[in-house]
Amino acid sequence: MPSPLLPDGHPTAVLDELPPHRCSCGITRRAFVAESGGAVSVHLLRVQQATTHYHRVATEVYVILDGTGEVELDGVRHEAKPMSAFLIRPGTRHRAIGDLTALVVCLPAADDTDEYVD
């Protein structure tokens, strides 16, 4: 679904109104995949039954907006609370744990074919 445009032609999105998409971390609502030509996407993530996974290409930034829990990076758990941010480089096995809502920025844009589990 394309994002609506502002009067000056720039795409905009209301993240919590986008359609849900199941991913390895839970339920995500993705914006700007198509509009950026695949260069970047931003997601509202509600963590649910996350599975450890990694990306070969994508770099992700998780910014915790609400809740408490942990973000596991290569088997090491780190406290996650509002305004915590995590840079997740390609190849890093990761998952979020707990009752968390996060803003996720993905470079390049999210691509389900770039999601791997061991």
Protein backbone atom coordinates (compact mmCIF):
# COMPACT_ATOMS: atom_id res chain seq x y z
CA MET A 1 0.00 0.00 0.00
CA PRO A 2 1.63 3.30 -1.03
CA SER A 3 2.04 6.01 1.57
CA PRO A 4 -0.04 9.16 1.24
CA LEU A 5 1.78 12.24 0.02
CA LEU A 6 2.12 15.58 1.73
CA PRO A 7 1.08 18.60 -0.36
CA ASP A 8 4.73 19.06 -1.42
CA GLY A 9 4.85 15.45 -2.71
CA HIS A 10 6.81 13.83 0.16
CA PRO A 11 5.51 10.47 1.42
CA THR A 12 4.13 10.29 4.95
CA ALA A 13 2.84 7.47 7.11
CA VAL A 14 0.89 6.97 10.32
CA LEU A 15 2.70 3.87 11.47
CA ASP A 16 0.06 2.48 13.82
CA GLU A 17 -2.53 2.66 11.01
CA LEU A 18 -0.51 0.61 8.48
CA PRO A 19 -1.47 -3.03 7.83
CA PRO A 20 0.25 -5.55 10.13
CA HIS A 21 2.91 -7.92 8.81
CA ARG A 22 4.19 -10.96 10.72
CA CYS A 23 7.99 -11.11 10.95
CA SER A 24 10.52 -13.03 13.05
CA CYS A 25 10.31 -10.41 15.83
CA GLY A 26 6.53 -10.12 16.02
CA ILE A 27 4.05 -7.83 14.33
CA THR A 28 5.46 -4.98 12.26
CA ARG A 29 3.88 -2.13 10.33
CA ARG A 30 6.27 -1.09 7.55
CA ALA A 31 6.51 2.24 5.76
CA PHE A 32 8.49 3.58 2.80
CA VAL A 33 9.76 0.29 1.33
CA ALA A 34 8.44 1.12 -2.15
CA GLU A 35 8.59 4.90 -1.84
CA SER A 36 12.33 4.82 -1.10
CA GLY A 37 13.01 2.48 -4.01
CA GLY A 38 14.12 -0.12 -1.45
CA ALA A 39 16.74 2.15 0.10
CA VAL A 40 15.21 2.40 3.59
CA SER A 41 12.14 1.48 5.58
CA VAL A 42 10.78 2.35 9.00
CA HIS A 43 8.67 -0.01 11.07
CA LEU A 44 6.55 0.04 14.16
CA LEU A 45 7.33 -3.29 15.83
CA ARG A 46 5.30 -4.98 18.55
CA VAL A 47 7.47 -7.79 19.86
CA GLN A 48 5.74 -11.19 19.96
CA GLN A 49 7.41 -14.60 20.14
CA ALA A 50 10.59 -13.35 18.50
CA THR A 51 12.87 -15.87 16.83
CA THR A 52 16.64 -15.39 16.68
CA HIS A 53 17.54 -14.43 13.12
CA TYR A 54 20.01 -12.39 11.09
CA HIS A 55 20.24 -10.43 7.86
CA ARG A 56 23.07 -10.79 5.36
CA VAL A 57 22.50 -7.35 3.81
CA ALA A 58 20.40 -5.14 6.08
CA THR A 59 21.54 -2.97 8.94
CA GLU A 60 18.80 -2.26 11.47
CA VAL A 61 18.41 0.27 14.25
CA TYR A 62 15.96 -0.61 17.02
CA VAL A 63 14.73 2.29 19.15
CA ILE A 64 12.63 1.11 22.07
CA LEU A 65 9.53 3.28 22.43
CA ASP A 66 7.63 1.49 25.17
CA GLY A 67 7.92 -1.41 27.57
CA THR A 68 10.79 -3.29 29.11
CA GLY A 69 12.72 -6.37 28.14
CA GLU A 70 15.93 -7.26 26.39
CA VAL A 71 17.54 -7.20 22.98
CA GLU A 72 19.75 -10.21 22.37
CA LEU A 73 22.74 -9.63 20.07
CA ASP A 74 24.91 -12.65 19.19
CA GLY A 75 23.70 -14.48 22.30
CA VAL A 76 24.29 -11.61 24.75
CA ARG A 77 21.21 -10.02 26.30
CA HIS A 78 21.07 -6.26 26.83
CA GLU A 79 18.52 -4.34 28.86
CA ALA A 80 15.91 -2.64 26.68
CA LYS A 81 13.78 0.21 28.00
CA PRO A 82 12.24 3.33 26.46
CA MET A 83 14.77 5.40 24.49
CA SER A 84 17.32 2.55 24.34
CA ALA A 85 18.75 2.18 20.84
CA PHE A 86 20.56 -0.76 19.28
CA LEU A 87 22.59 -0.83 16.06
CA ILE A 88 22.29 -4.28 14.49
CA ARG A 89 24.85 -4.91 11.76
CA PRO A 90 24.49 -7.53 9.01
CA GLY A 91 25.29 -11.01 10.29
CA THR A 92 24.36 -10.23 13.90
CA ARG A 93 22.02 -12.86 15.30
CA HIS A 94 19.33 -10.98 17.16
CA ARG A 95 15.89 -10.95 18.72
CA ALA A 96 13.88 -8.80 21.08
CA ILE A 97 12.50 -10.28 24.28
CA GLY A 98 9.73 -8.97 26.49
CA ASP A 99 6.82 -6.58 26.31
CA LEU A 100 8.35 -4.09 23.86
CA THR A 101 7.29 -1.68 21.17
CA ALA A 102 10.11 -0.42 18.95
CA LEU A 103 10.73 1.85 16.02
CA VAL A 104 12.94 -0.02 13.57
CA VAL A 105 14.89 1.65 10.76
CA CYS A 106 16.16 -0.78 8.13
CA LEU A 107 18.88 0.01 5.55
CA PRO A 108 18.29 -1.07 2.83
CA ALA A 109 14.53 -1.46 3.19
CA ALA A 110 13.03 -4.56 4.77
CA ASP A 111 13.14 -7.59 2.51
CA ASP A 112 11.78 -10.89 3.82
CA THR A 113 14.26 -12.78 1.61
CA ASP A 114 17.10 -11.27 3.71
CA GLU A 115 15.98 -13.00 6.91
CA TYR A 116 17.81 -16.13 8.02
CA VAL A 117 17.63 -18.51 10.96
CA ASP A 118 20.25 -21.07 11.94
